[in-house]
Amino acid sequence: MAEPTMRDDRAGGRLEAFEGDTCVGVVVYFVLDAEPHALVAVHTVVEDGHEGKGVAGALVREFYAMAAAEGVPVVPLCPYAAVWAERHPDEAPVAPSEVVRAAKLQLRATPELW
């Protein structure tokens, strides 16, 4: 399978993977309001029929690359992203504990969004 094309919808909090014109997966995320800012992964979803093709891994890898390019950490609250980060420590630096705490507080404060 060719690598999917990634599209970041920052306003919508979605990093989407496309095969052609079809969205095959997404990382739902938010930007941490508090300083220092971070990208916070909440859910990773791969559409039916596209599982097992590396879409989720490609999404999370791109998510970490986006954060690195912006100079901010990633807080992987999504279980898939957290496991991926553990398996790829060279690509997924651990976020400082105070950033993780702030991300969890922001998520709890806006559960209707997630």
PDB file of N, CA and C in Angstrom:
ATOM      1  N   MET A   1       0.830  -1.177   0.000  1.00  0.00           N
ATOM      2  CA  MET A   1       0.000   0.000   0.000  1.00  0.00           C
ATOM      3  C   MET A   1       0.878   1.244   0.000  1.00  0.00           C
ATOM      4  N   ALA A   2       0.516   2.208  -0.793  1.00  0.00           N
ATOM      5  CA  ALA A   2       1.212   3.489  -0.799  1.00  0.00           C
ATOM      6  C   ALA A   2       0.845   4.245   0.471  1.00  0.00           C
ATOM      7  N   GLU A   3       1.763   5.066   0.922  1.00  0.00           N
ATOM      8  CA  GLU A   3       1.487   5.892   2.094  1.00  0.00           C
ATOM      9  C   GLU A   3       0.284   6.778   1.802  1.00  0.00           C
ATOM     10  N   PRO A   4      -0.619   6.894   2.772  1.00  0.00           N
ATOM     11  CA  PRO A   4      -1.760   7.791   2.554  1.00  0.00           C
ATOM     12  C   PRO A   4      -1.305   9.249   2.552  1.00  0.00           C
ATOM     13  N   THR A   5      -2.107  10.090   1.937  1.00  0.00           N
ATOM     14  CA  THR A   5      -1.867  11.530   1.947  1.00  0.00           C
ATOM     15  C   THR A   5      -2.454  12.084   3.231  1.00  0.00           C
ATOM     16  N   MET A   6      -1.691  12.908   3.933  1.00  0.00           N
ATOM     17  CA  MET A   6      -2.139  13.479   5.203  1.00  0.00           C
ATOM     18  C   MET A   6      -2.618  14.913   5.002  1.00  0.00           C
ATOM     19  N   ARG A   7      -3.714  15.235   5.667  1.00  0.00           N
ATOM     20  CA  ARG A   7      -4.254  16.599   5.647  1.00  0.00           C
ATOM     21  C   ARG A   7      -4.569  17.011   7.079  1.00  0.00           C
ATOM     22  N   ASP A   8      -3.983  18.116   7.515  1.00  0.00           N
ATOM     23  CA  ASP A   8      -4.227  18.628   8.852  1.00  0.00           C
ATOM     24  C   ASP A   8      -5.334  19.665   8.809  1.00  0.00           C
ATOM     25  N   ASP A   9      -6.411  19.389   9.504  1.00  0.00           N
ATOM     26  CA  ASP A   9      -7.514  20.342   9.671  1.00  0.00           C
ATOM     27  C   ASP A   9      -7.397  20.879  11.094  1.00  0.00           C
ATOM     28  N   ARG A  10      -6.526  21.845  11.281  1.00  0.00           N
ATOM     29  CA  ARG A  10      -6.244  22.368  12.623  1.00  0.00           C
ATOM     30  C   ARG A  10      -7.498  22.925  13.275  1.00  0.00           C
ATOM     31  N   ALA A  11      -8.292  23.672  12.518  1.00  0.00           N
ATOM     32  CA  ALA A  11      -9.508  24.261  13.083  1.00  0.00           C
ATOM     33  C   ALA A  11     -10.480  23.182  13.556  1.00  0.00           C
ATOM     34  N   GLY A  12     -10.522  22.076  12.849  1.00  0.00           N
ATOM     35  CA  GLY A  12     -11.413  20.983  13.208  1.00  0.00           C
ATOM     36  C   GLY A  12     -10.796  19.974  14.148  1.00  0.00           C
ATOM     37  N   GLY A  13      -9.492  20.117  14.421  1.00  0.00           N
ATOM     38  CA  GLY A  13      -8.813  19.186  15.310  1.00  0.00           C
ATOM     39  C   GLY A  13      -8.720  17.787  14.743  1.00  0.00           C
ATOM     40  N   ARG A  14      -8.394  17.712  13.457  1.00  0.00           N
ATOM     41  CA  ARG A  14      -8.333  16.408  12.783  1.00  0.00           C
ATOM     42  C   ARG A  14      -7.121  16.338  11.857  1.00  0.00           C
ATOM     43  N   LEU A  15      -6.327  15.305  12.046  1.00  0.00           N
ATOM     44  CA  LEU A  15      -5.297  14.954  11.076  1.00  0.00           C
ATOM     45  C   LEU A  15      -5.859  13.755  10.334  1.00  0.00           C
ATOM     46  N   GLU A  16      -6.117  13.929   9.040  1.00  0.00           N
ATOM     47  CA  GLU A  16      -6.801  12.908   8.261  1.00  0.00           C
ATOM     48  C   GLU A  16      -5.858  12.250   7.254  1.00  0.00           C
ATOM     49  N   ALA A  17      -6.058  10.955   7.069  1.00  0.00           N
ATOM     50  CA  ALA A  17      -5.313  10.185   6.072  1.00  0.00           C
ATOM     51  C   ALA A  17      -6.259   9.878   4.912  1.00  0.00           C
ATOM     52  N   PHE A  18      -5.792  10.165   3.711  1.00  0.00           N
ATOM     53  CA  PHE A  18      -6.599   9.937   2.517  1.00  0.00           C
ATOM     54  C   PHE A  18      -5.906   8.975   1.570  1.00  0.00           C
ATOM     55  N   GLU A  19      -6.716   8.107   0.977  1.00  0.00           N
ATOM     56  CA  GLU A  19      -6.314   7.320  -0.178  1.00  0.00           C
ATOM     57  C   GLU A  19      -7.169   7.845  -1.317  1.00  0.00           C
ATOM     58  N   GLY A  20      -6.550   8.591  -2.204  1.00  0.00           N
ATOM     59  CA  GLY A  20      -7.324   9.271  -3.238  1.00  0.00           C
ATOM     60  C   GLY A  20      -8.204  10.313  -2.580  1.00  0.00           C
ATOM     61  N   ASP A  21      -9.502  10.247  -2.866  1.00  0.00           N
ATOM     62  CA  ASP A  21     -10.451  11.195  -2.275  1.00  0.00           C
ATOM     63  C   ASP A  21     -11.145  10.640  -1.036  1.00  0.00           C
ATOM     64  N   THR A  22     -10.747   9.454  -0.595  1.00  0.00           N
ATOM     65  CA  THR A  22     -11.412   8.784   0.517  1.00  0.00           C
ATOM     66  C   THR A  22     -10.616   8.941   1.805  1.00  0.00           C
ATOM     67  N   CYS A  23     -11.286   9.458   2.845  1.00  0.00           N
ATOM     68  CA  CYS A  23     -10.657   9.541   4.161  1.00  0.00           C
ATOM     69  C   CYS A  23     -10.663   8.139   4.763  1.00  0.00           C
ATOM     70  N   VAL A  24      -9.479   7.614   5.069  1.00  0.00           N
ATOM     71  CA  VAL A  24      -9.362   6.245   5.578  1.00  0.00           C
ATOM     72  C   VAL A  24      -8.985   6.189   7.050  1.00  0.00           C
ATOM     73  N   GLY A  25      -8.674   7.339   7.636  1.00  0.00           N
ATOM     74  CA  GLY A  25      -8.334   7.351   9.052  1.00  0.00           C
ATOM     75  C   GLY A  25      -8.143   8.765   9.550  1.00  0.00           C
ATOM     76  N   VAL A  26      -8.154   8.893  10.892  1.00  0.00           N
ATOM     77  CA  VAL A  26      -8.046  10.218  11.492  1.00  0.00           C
ATOM     78  C   VAL A  26      -7.453  10.131  12.890  1.00  0.00           C
ATOM     79  N   VAL A  27      -6.671  11.136  13.245  1.00  0.00           N
ATOM     80  CA  VAL A  27      -6.310  11.396  14.632  1.00  0.00           C
ATOM     81  C   VAL A  27      -7.101  12.637  15.021  1.00  0.00           C
ATOM     82  N   VAL A  28      -7.946  12.490  16.028  1.00  0.00           N
ATOM     83  CA  VAL A  28      -8.696  13.625  16.567  1.00  0.00           C
ATOM     84  C   VAL A  28      -7.834  14.214  17.674  1.00  0.00           C
ATOM     85  N   TYR A  29      -7.651  15.532  17.645  1.00  0.00           N
ATOM     86  CA  TYR A  29      -6.732  16.147  18.599  1.00  0.00           C
ATOM     87  C   TYR A  29      -7.156  17.565  18.943  1.00  0.00           C
ATOM     88  N   PHE A  30      -6.470  18.123  19.942  1.00  0.00           N
ATOM     89  CA  PHE A  30      -6.620  19.541  20.234  1.00  0.00           C
ATOM     90  C   PHE A  30      -5.260  20.122  20.570  1.00  0.00           C
ATOM     91  N   VAL A  31      -5.196  21.435  20.489  1.00  0.00           N
ATOM     92  CA  VAL A  31      -3.987  22.165  20.862  1.00  0.00           C
ATOM     93  C   VAL A  31      -4.163  22.603  22.301  1.00  0.00           C
ATOM     94  N   LEU A  32      -3.210  22.297  23.132  1.00  0.00           N
ATOM     95  CA  LEU A  32      -3.261  22.685  24.538  1.00  0.00           C
ATOM     96  C   LEU A  32      -3.254  24.200  24.648  1.00  0.00           C
ATOM     97  N   ASP A  33      -4.229  24.735  25.362  1.00  0.00           N
ATOM     98  CA  ASP A  33      -4.336  26.185  25.540  1.00  0.00           C
ATOM     99  C   ASP A  33      -3.211  26.734  26.412  1.00  0.00           C
ATOM    100  N   ALA A  34      -2.867  25.996  27.457  1.00  0.00           N
ATOM    101  CA  ALA A  34      -1.880  26.468  28.434  1.00  0.00           C
ATOM    102  C   ALA A  34      -0.472  26.444  27.848  1.00  0.00           C
ATOM    103  N   GLU A  35       0.368  27.305  28.374  1.00  0.00           N
ATOM    104  CA  GLU A  35       1.790  27.286  28.020  1.00  0.00           C
ATOM    105  C   GLU A  35       2.473  26.199  28.828  1.00  0.00           C
ATOM    106  N   PRO A  36       3.408  25.442  28.328  1.00  0.00           N
ATOM    107  CA  PRO A  36       3.775  25.440  26.918  1.00  0.00           C
ATOM    108  C   PRO A  36       2.732  24.677  26.116  1.00  0.00           C
ATOM    109  N   HIS A  37       2.462  25.152  24.924  1.00  0.00           N
ATOM    110  CA  HIS A  37       1.479  24.508  24.065  1.00  0.00           C
ATOM    111  C   HIS A  37       1.939  23.093  23.711  1.00  0.00           C
ATOM    112  N   ALA A  38       0.983  22.266  23.337  1.00  0.00           N
ATOM    113  CA  ALA A  38       1.258  20.892  22.920  1.00  0.00           C
ATOM    114  C   ALA A  38       0.135  20.460  21.991  1.00  0.00           C
ATOM    115  N   LEU A  39       0.385  19.408  21.235  1.00  0.00           N
ATOM    116  CA  LEU A  39      -0.663  18.753  20.458  1.00  0.00           C
ATOM    117  C   LEU A  39      -1.094  17.527  21.248  1.00  0.00           C
ATOM    118  N   VAL A  40      -2.400  17.378  21.455  1.00  0.00           N
ATOM    119  CA  VAL A  40      -2.933  16.323  22.304  1.00  0.00           C
ATOM    120  C   VAL A  40      -3.789  15.374  21.478  1.00  0.00           C
ATOM    121  N   ALA A  41      -3.317  14.150  21.300  1.00  0.00           N
ATOM    122  CA  ALA A  41      -4.048  13.132  20.548  1.00  0.00           C
ATOM    123  C   ALA A  41      -5.111  12.514  21.453  1.00  0.00           C
ATOM    124  N   VAL A  42      -6.377  12.554  21.002  1.00  0.00           N
ATOM    125  CA  VAL A  42      -7.486  12.039  21.801  1.00  0.00           C
ATOM    126  C   VAL A  42      -7.988  10.700  21.260  1.00  0.00           C
ATOM    127  N   HIS A  43      -8.131  10.583  19.945  1.00  0.00           N
ATOM    128  CA  HIS A  43      -8.615   9.343  19.319  1.00  0.00           C
ATOM    129  C   HIS A  43      -7.858   9.103  18.020  1.00  0.00           C
ATOM    130  N   THR A  44      -7.614   7.841  17.721  1.00  0.00           N
ATOM    131  CA  THR A  44      -7.130   7.437  16.409  1.00  0.00           C
ATOM    132  C   THR A  44      -8.125   6.419  15.874  1.00  0.00           C
ATOM    133  N   VAL A  45      -8.655   6.684  14.690  1.00  0.00           N
ATOM    134  CA  VAL A  45      -9.673   5.821  14.103  1.00  0.00           C
ATOM    135  C   VAL A  45      -9.282   5.509  12.670  1.00  0.00           C
ATOM    136  N   VAL A  46      -9.383   4.222  12.313  1.00  0.00           N
ATOM    137  CA  VAL A  46      -9.181   3.786  10.926  1.00  0.00           C
ATOM    138  C   VAL A  46     -10.513   3.234  10.436  1.00  0.00           C
ATOM    139  N   GLU A  47     -10.910   3.661   9.269  1.00  0.00           N
ATOM    140  CA  GLU A  47     -12.203   3.256   8.707  1.00  0.00           C
ATOM    141  C   GLU A  47     -12.220   1.767   8.382  1.00  0.00           C
ATOM    142  N   ASP A  48     -13.427   1.188   8.476  1.00  0.00           N
ATOM    143  CA  ASP A  48     -13.620  -0.223   8.141  1.00  0.00           C
ATOM    144  C   ASP A  48     -13.054  -0.518   6.759  1.00  0.00           C
ATOM    145  N   GLY A  49     -12.391  -1.650   6.661  1.00  0.00           N
ATOM    146  CA  GLY A  49     -11.809  -2.072   5.396  1.00  0.00           C
ATOM    147  C   GLY A  49     -10.397  -1.548   5.170  1.00  0.00           C
ATOM    148  N   HIS A  50      -9.917  -0.693   6.055  1.00  0.00           N
ATOM    149  CA  HIS A  50      -8.572  -0.135   5.901  1.00  0.00           C
ATOM    150  C   HIS A  50      -7.658  -0.503   7.071  1.00  0.00           C
ATOM    151  N   GLU A  51      -8.179  -1.307   7.999  1.00  0.00           N
ATOM    152  CA  GLU A  51      -7.378  -1.751   9.128  1.00  0.00           C
ATOM    153  C   GLU A  51      -6.255  -2.663   8.650  1.00  0.00           C
ATOM    154  N   GLY A  52      -5.175  -2.681   9.415  1.00  0.00           N
ATOM    155  CA  GLY A  52      -4.062  -3.578   9.117  1.00  0.00           C
ATOM    156  C   GLY A  52      -3.194  -3.143   7.957  1.00  0.00           C
ATOM    157  N   LYS A  53      -3.380  -1.933   7.456  1.00  0.00           N
ATOM    158  CA  LYS A  53      -2.601  -1.432   6.323  1.00  0.00           C
ATOM    159  C   LYS A  53      -1.566  -0.390   6.741  1.00  0.00           C
ATOM    160  N   GLY A  54      -1.441  -0.155   8.047  1.00  0.00           N
ATOM    161  CA  GLY A  54      -0.470   0.824   8.521  1.00  0.00           C
ATOM    162  C   GLY A  54      -0.974   2.247   8.569  1.00  0.00           C
ATOM    163  N   VAL A  55      -2.277   2.439   8.394  1.00  0.00           N
ATOM    164  CA  VAL A  55      -2.838   3.792   8.376  1.00  0.00           C
ATOM    165  C   VAL A  55      -2.682   4.463   9.734  1.00  0.00           C
ATOM    166  N   ALA A  56      -3.040   3.765  10.815  1.00  0.00           N
ATOM    167  CA  ALA A  56      -2.960   4.361  12.153  1.00  0.00           C
ATOM    168  C   ALA A  56      -1.523   4.742  12.499  1.00  0.00           C
ATOM    169  N   GLY A  57      -0.593   3.860  12.198  1.00  0.00           N
ATOM    170  CA  GLY A  57       0.817   4.164  12.467  1.00  0.00           C
ATOM    171  C   GLY A  57       1.303   5.358  11.670  1.00  0.00           C
ATOM    172  N   ALA A  58       0.892   5.441  10.408  1.00  0.00           N
ATOM    173  CA  ALA A  58       1.289   6.574   9.570  1.00  0.00           C
ATOM    174  C   ALA A  58       0.699   7.880  10.110  1.00  0.00           C
ATOM    175  N   LEU A  59      -0.535   7.822  10.588  1.00  0.00           N
ATOM    176  CA  LEU A  59      -1.163   9.010  11.164  1.00  0.00           C
ATOM    177  C   LEU A  59      -0.409   9.493  12.404  1.00  0.00           C
ATOM    178  N   VAL A  60      -0.123   8.584  13.313  1.00  0.00           N
ATOM    179  CA  VAL A  60       0.547   8.979  14.554  1.00  0.00           C
ATOM    180  C   VAL A  60       1.967   9.455  14.268  1.00  0.00           C
ATOM    181  N   ARG A  61       2.647   8.802  13.344  1.00  0.00           N
ATOM    182  CA  ARG A  61       3.996   9.252  12.968  1.00  0.00           C
ATOM    183  C   ARG A  61       3.940  10.682  12.425  1.00  0.00           C
ATOM    184  N   GLU A  62       2.980  10.966  11.562  1.00  0.00           N
ATOM    185  CA  GLU A  62       2.816  12.314  11.013  1.00  0.00           C
ATOM    186  C   GLU A  62       2.456  13.308  12.109  1.00  0.00           C
ATOM    187  N   PHE A  63       1.638  12.883  13.062  1.00  0.00           N
ATOM    188  CA  PHE A  63       1.247  13.755  14.169  1.00  0.00           C
ATOM    189  C   PHE A  63       2.477  14.174  14.981  1.00  0.00           C
ATOM    190  N   TYR A  64       3.338  13.225  15.281  1.00  0.00           N
ATOM    191  CA  TYR A  64       4.575  13.553  15.997  1.00  0.00           C
ATOM    192  C   TYR A  64       5.491  14.428  15.149  1.00  0.00           C
ATOM    193  N   ALA A  65       5.537  14.200  13.853  1.00  0.00           N
ATOM    194  CA  ALA A  65       6.358  15.035  12.970  1.00  0.00           C
ATOM    195  C   ALA A  65       5.831  16.465  12.923  1.00  0.00           C
ATOM    196  N   MET A  66       4.503  16.627  12.897  1.00  0.00           N
ATOM    197  CA  MET A  66       3.910  17.970  12.930  1.00  0.00           C
ATOM    198  C   MET A  66       4.330  18.696  14.208  1.00  0.00           C
ATOM    199  N   ALA A  67       4.216  18.014  15.330  1.00  0.00           N
ATOM    200  CA  ALA A  67       4.567  18.621  16.612  1.00  0.00           C
ATOM    201  C   ALA A  67       6.045  19.003  16.643  1.00  0.00           C
ATOM    202  N   ALA A  68       6.885  18.122  16.145  1.00  0.00           N
ATOM    203  CA  ALA A  68       8.324  18.418  16.122  1.00  0.00           C
ATOM    204  C   ALA A  68       8.611  19.641  15.273  1.00  0.00           C
ATOM    205  N   ALA A  69       7.942  19.748  14.129  1.00  0.00           N
ATOM    206  CA  ALA A  69       8.143  20.902  13.247  1.00  0.00           C
ATOM    207  C   ALA A  69       7.693  22.193  13.921  1.00  0.00           C
ATOM    208  N   GLU A  70       6.699  22.098  14.802  1.00  0.00           N
ATOM    209  CA  GLU A  70       6.199  23.273  15.519  1.00  0.00           C
ATOM    210  C   GLU A  70       6.944  23.525  16.827  1.00  0.00           C
ATOM    211  N   GLY A  71       7.815  22.581  17.202  1.00  0.00           N
ATOM    212  CA  GLY A  71       8.578  22.733  18.432  1.00  0.00           C
ATOM    213  C   GLY A  71       7.751  22.548  19.695  1.00  0.00           C
ATOM    214  N   VAL A  72       6.704  21.713  19.613  1.00  0.00           N
ATOM    215  CA  VAL A  72       5.857  21.453  20.777  1.00  0.00           C
ATOM    216  C   VAL A  72       5.800  19.948  21.037  1.00  0.00           C
ATOM    217  N   PRO A  73       5.518  19.558  22.287  1.00  0.00           N
ATOM    218  CA  PRO A  73       5.406  18.130  22.579  1.00  0.00           C
ATOM    219  C   PRO A  73       4.044  17.576  22.157  1.00  0.00           C
ATOM    220  N   VAL A  74       3.977  16.261  22.138  1.00  0.00           N
ATOM    221  CA  VAL A  74       2.724  15.542  21.926  1.00  0.00           C
ATOM    222  C   VAL A  74       2.331  14.901  23.250  1.00  0.00           C
ATOM    223  N   VAL A  75       1.048  14.999  23.576  1.00  0.00           N
ATOM    224  CA  VAL A  75       0.491  14.269  24.710  1.00  0.00           C
ATOM    225  C   VAL A  75      -0.430  13.202  24.116  1.00  0.00           C
ATOM    226  N   PRO A  76      -0.021  11.941  24.165  1.00  0.00           N
ATOM    227  CA  PRO A  76      -0.823  10.871  23.557  1.00  0.00           C
ATOM    228  C   PRO A  76      -1.867  10.312  24.527  1.00  0.00           C
ATOM    229  N   LEU A  77      -3.003  10.992  24.662  1.00  0.00           N
ATOM    230  CA  LEU A  77      -4.076  10.490  25.520  1.00  0.00           C
ATOM    231  C   LEU A  77      -4.841   9.364  24.838  1.00  0.00           C
ATOM    232  N   CYS A  78      -4.748   9.278  23.540  1.00  0.00           N
ATOM    233  CA  CYS A  78      -5.329   8.175  22.772  1.00  0.00           C
ATOM    234  C   CYS A  78      -4.534   6.901  23.074  1.00  0.00           C
ATOM    235  N   PRO A  79      -5.198   5.806  23.437  1.00  0.00           N
ATOM    236  CA  PRO A  79      -4.471   4.578  23.748  1.00  0.00           C
ATOM    237  C   PRO A  79      -3.577   4.090  22.608  1.00  0.00           C
ATOM    238  N   TYR A  80      -4.061   4.159  21.374  1.00  0.00           N
ATOM    239  CA  TYR A  80      -3.226   3.712  20.253  1.00  0.00           C
ATOM    240  C   TYR A  80      -1.968   4.568  20.143  1.00  0.00           C
ATOM    241  N   ALA A  81      -2.140   5.886  20.206  1.00  0.00           N
ATOM    242  CA  ALA A  81      -0.983   6.784  20.097  1.00  0.00           C
ATOM    243  C   ALA A  81       0.000   6.555  21.234  1.00  0.00           C
ATOM    244  N   ALA A  82      -0.499   6.267  22.438  1.00  0.00           N
ATOM    245  CA  ALA A  82       0.379   6.016  23.582  1.00  0.00           C
ATOM    246  C   ALA A  82       1.210   4.752  23.373  1.00  0.00           C
ATOM    247  N   VAL A  83       0.582   3.696  22.884  1.00  0.00           N
ATOM    248  CA  VAL A  83       1.317   2.450  22.616  1.00  0.00           C
ATOM    249  C   VAL A  83       2.321   2.665  21.491  1.00  0.00           C
ATOM    250  N   TRP A  84       1.907   3.371  20.447  1.00  0.00           N
ATOM    251  CA  TRP A  84       2.815   3.653  19.332  1.00  0.00           C
ATOM    252  C   TRP A  84       4.038   4.412  19.848  1.00  0.00           C
ATOM    253  N   ALA A  85       3.816   5.396  20.695  1.00  0.00           N
ATOM    254  CA  ALA A  85       4.917   6.204  21.237  1.00  0.00           C
ATOM    255  C   ALA A  85       5.886   5.342  22.044  1.00  0.00           C
ATOM    256  N   GLU A  86       5.359   4.417  22.823  1.00  0.00           N
ATOM    257  CA  GLU A  86       6.225   3.506  23.597  1.00  0.00           C
ATOM    258  C   GLU A  86       7.080   2.653  22.676  1.00  0.00           C
ATOM    259  N   ARG A  87       6.540   2.261  21.549  1.00  0.00           N
ATOM    260  CA  ARG A  87       7.258   1.397  20.601  1.00  0.00           C
ATOM    261  C   ARG A  87       8.229   2.165  19.711  1.00  0.00           C
ATOM    262  N   HIS A  88       8.093   3.500  19.655  1.00  0.00           N
ATOM    263  CA  HIS A  88       8.936   4.332  18.794  1.00  0.00           C
ATOM    264  C   HIS A  88       9.528   5.497  19.577  1.00  0.00           C
ATOM    265  N   PRO A  89      10.284   5.206  20.637  1.00  0.00           N
ATOM    266  CA  PRO A  89      10.792   6.298  21.482  1.00  0.00           C
ATOM    267  C   PRO A  89      11.713   7.271  20.742  1.00  0.00           C
ATOM    268  N   ASP A  90      12.342   6.819  19.674  1.00  0.00           N
ATOM    269  CA  ASP A  90      13.220   7.700  18.904  1.00  0.00           C
ATOM    270  C   ASP A  90      12.421   8.760  18.125  1.00  0.00           C
ATOM    271  N   GLU A  91      11.143   8.489  17.863  1.00  0.00           N
ATOM    272  CA  GLU A  91      10.296   9.422  17.125  1.00  0.00           C
ATOM    273  C   GLU A  91       9.276  10.117  18.021  1.00  0.00           C
ATOM    274  N   ALA A  92       9.164   9.647  19.264  1.00  0.00           N
ATOM    275  CA  ALA A  92       8.085  10.109  20.132  1.00  0.00           C
ATOM    276  C   ALA A  92       8.621  10.481  21.515  1.00  0.00           C
ATOM    277  N   PRO A  93       9.224  11.664  21.633  1.00  0.00           N
ATOM    278  CA  PRO A  93       9.715  12.066  22.948  1.00  0.00           C
ATOM    279  C   PRO A  93       8.573  12.181  23.957  1.00  0.00           C
ATOM    280  N   VAL A  94       8.872  11.862  25.194  1.00  0.00           N
ATOM    281  CA  VAL A  94       7.882  11.906  26.264  1.00  0.00           C
ATOM    282  C   VAL A  94       7.618  13.365  26.644  1.00  0.00           C
ATOM    283  N   ALA A  95       6.351  13.711  26.743  1.00  0.00           N
ATOM    284  CA  ALA A  95       5.959  15.069  27.135  1.00  0.00           C
ATOM    285  C   ALA A  95       6.216  15.265  28.620  1.00  0.00           C
ATOM    286  N   PRO A  96       6.602  16.481  29.014  1.00  0.00           N
ATOM    287  CA  PRO A  96       6.792  16.763  30.438  1.00  0.00           C
ATOM    288  C   PRO A  96       5.499  16.506  31.228  1.00  0.00           C
ATOM    289  N   SER A  97       5.637  16.042  32.450  1.00  0.00           N
ATOM    290  CA  SER A  97       4.465  15.664  33.250  1.00  0.00           C
ATOM    291  C   SER A  97       3.501  16.827  33.467  1.00  0.00           C
ATOM    292  N   GLU A  98       4.004  18.048  33.589  1.00  0.00           N
ATOM    293  CA  GLU A  98       3.100  19.186  33.791  1.00  0.00           C
ATOM    294  C   GLU A  98       2.266  19.462  32.539  1.00  0.00           C
ATOM    295  N   VAL A  99       2.818  19.158  31.373  1.00  0.00           N
ATOM    296  CA  VAL A  99       2.072  19.323  30.123  1.00  0.00           C
ATOM    297  C   VAL A  99       0.986  18.251  30.032  1.00  0.00           C
ATOM    298  N   VAL A 100       1.303  17.040  30.433  1.00  0.00           N
ATOM    299  CA  VAL A 100       0.317  15.958  30.436  1.00  0.00           C
ATOM    300  C   VAL A 100      -0.829  16.303  31.385  1.00  0.00           C
ATOM    301  N   ARG A 101      -0.498  16.794  32.572  1.00  0.00           N
ATOM    302  CA  ARG A 101      -1.544  17.185  33.527  1.00  0.00           C
ATOM    303  C   ARG A 101      -2.447  18.276  32.944  1.00  0.00           C
ATOM    304  N   ALA A 102      -1.850  19.287  32.328  1.00  0.00           N
ATOM    305  CA  ALA A 102      -2.629  20.378  31.732  1.00  0.00           C
ATOM    306  C   ALA A 102      -3.528  19.857  30.609  1.00  0.00           C
ATOM    307  N   ALA A 103      -3.026  18.912  29.811  1.00  0.00           N
ATOM    308  CA  ALA A 103      -3.823  18.343  28.722  1.00  0.00           C
ATOM    309  C   ALA A 103      -5.021  17.576  29.269  1.00  0.00           C
ATOM    310  N   LYS A 104      -4.815  16.804  30.323  1.00  0.00           N
ATOM    311  CA  LYS A 104      -5.918  16.049  30.927  1.00  0.00           C
ATOM    312  C   LYS A 104      -6.967  16.992  31.514  1.00  0.00           C
ATOM    313  N   LEU A 105      -6.528  18.075  32.123  1.00  0.00           N
ATOM    314  CA  LEU A 105      -7.463  19.059  32.671  1.00  0.00           C
ATOM    315  C   LEU A 105      -8.292  19.703  31.564  1.00  0.00           C
ATOM    316  N   GLN A 106      -7.642  20.077  30.455  1.00  0.00           N
ATOM    317  CA  GLN A 106      -8.370  20.695  29.347  1.00  0.00           C
ATOM    318  C   GLN A 106      -9.364  19.707  28.740  1.00  0.00           C
ATOM    319  N   LEU A 107      -8.973  18.455  28.613  1.00  0.00           N
ATOM    320  CA  LEU A 107      -9.873  17.436  28.057  1.00  0.00           C
ATOM    321  C   LEU A 107     -11.094  17.263  28.960  1.00  0.00           C
ATOM    322  N   ARG A 108     -10.876  17.197  30.280  1.00  0.00           N
ATOM    323  CA  ARG A 108     -11.997  17.059  31.221  1.00  0.00           C
ATOM    324  C   ARG A 108     -12.916  18.277  31.191  1.00  0.00           C
ATOM    325  N   ALA A 109     -12.356  19.432  30.925  1.00  0.00           N
ATOM    326  CA  ALA A 109     -13.147  20.661  30.914  1.00  0.00           C
ATOM    327  C   ALA A 109     -14.026  20.787  29.666  1.00  0.00           C
ATOM    328  N   THR A 110     -13.713  20.032  28.612  1.00  0.00           N
ATOM    329  CA  THR A 110     -14.474  20.126  27.360  1.00  0.00           C
ATOM    330  C   THR A 110     -14.855  18.744  26.835  1.00  0.00           C
ATOM    331  N   PRO A 111     -15.466  17.889  27.659  1.00  0.00           N
ATOM    332  CA  PRO A 111     -15.764  16.523  27.195  1.00  0.00           C
ATOM    333  C   PRO A 111     -16.733  16.472  26.021  1.00  0.00           C
ATOM    334  N   GLU A 112     -17.552  17.501  25.878  1.00  0.00           N
ATOM    335  CA  GLU A 112     -18.525  17.514  24.772  1.00  0.00           C
ATOM    336  C   GLU A 112     -17.843  17.573  23.409  1.00  0.00           C
ATOM    337  N   LEU A 113     -16.599  18.013  23.380  1.00  0.00           N
ATOM    338  CA  LEU A 113     -15.873  18.110  22.105  1.00  0.00           C
ATOM    339  C   LEU A 113     -15.274  16.766  21.696  1.00  0.00           C
ATOM    340  N   TRP A 114     -15.152  15.829  22.607  1.00  0.00           N
ATOM    341  CA  TRP A 114     -14.419  14.594  22.317  1.00  0.00           C
ATOM    342  C   TRP A 114     -15.312  13.411  22.528  1.00  0.00           C
TER     343      TRP A 114
END
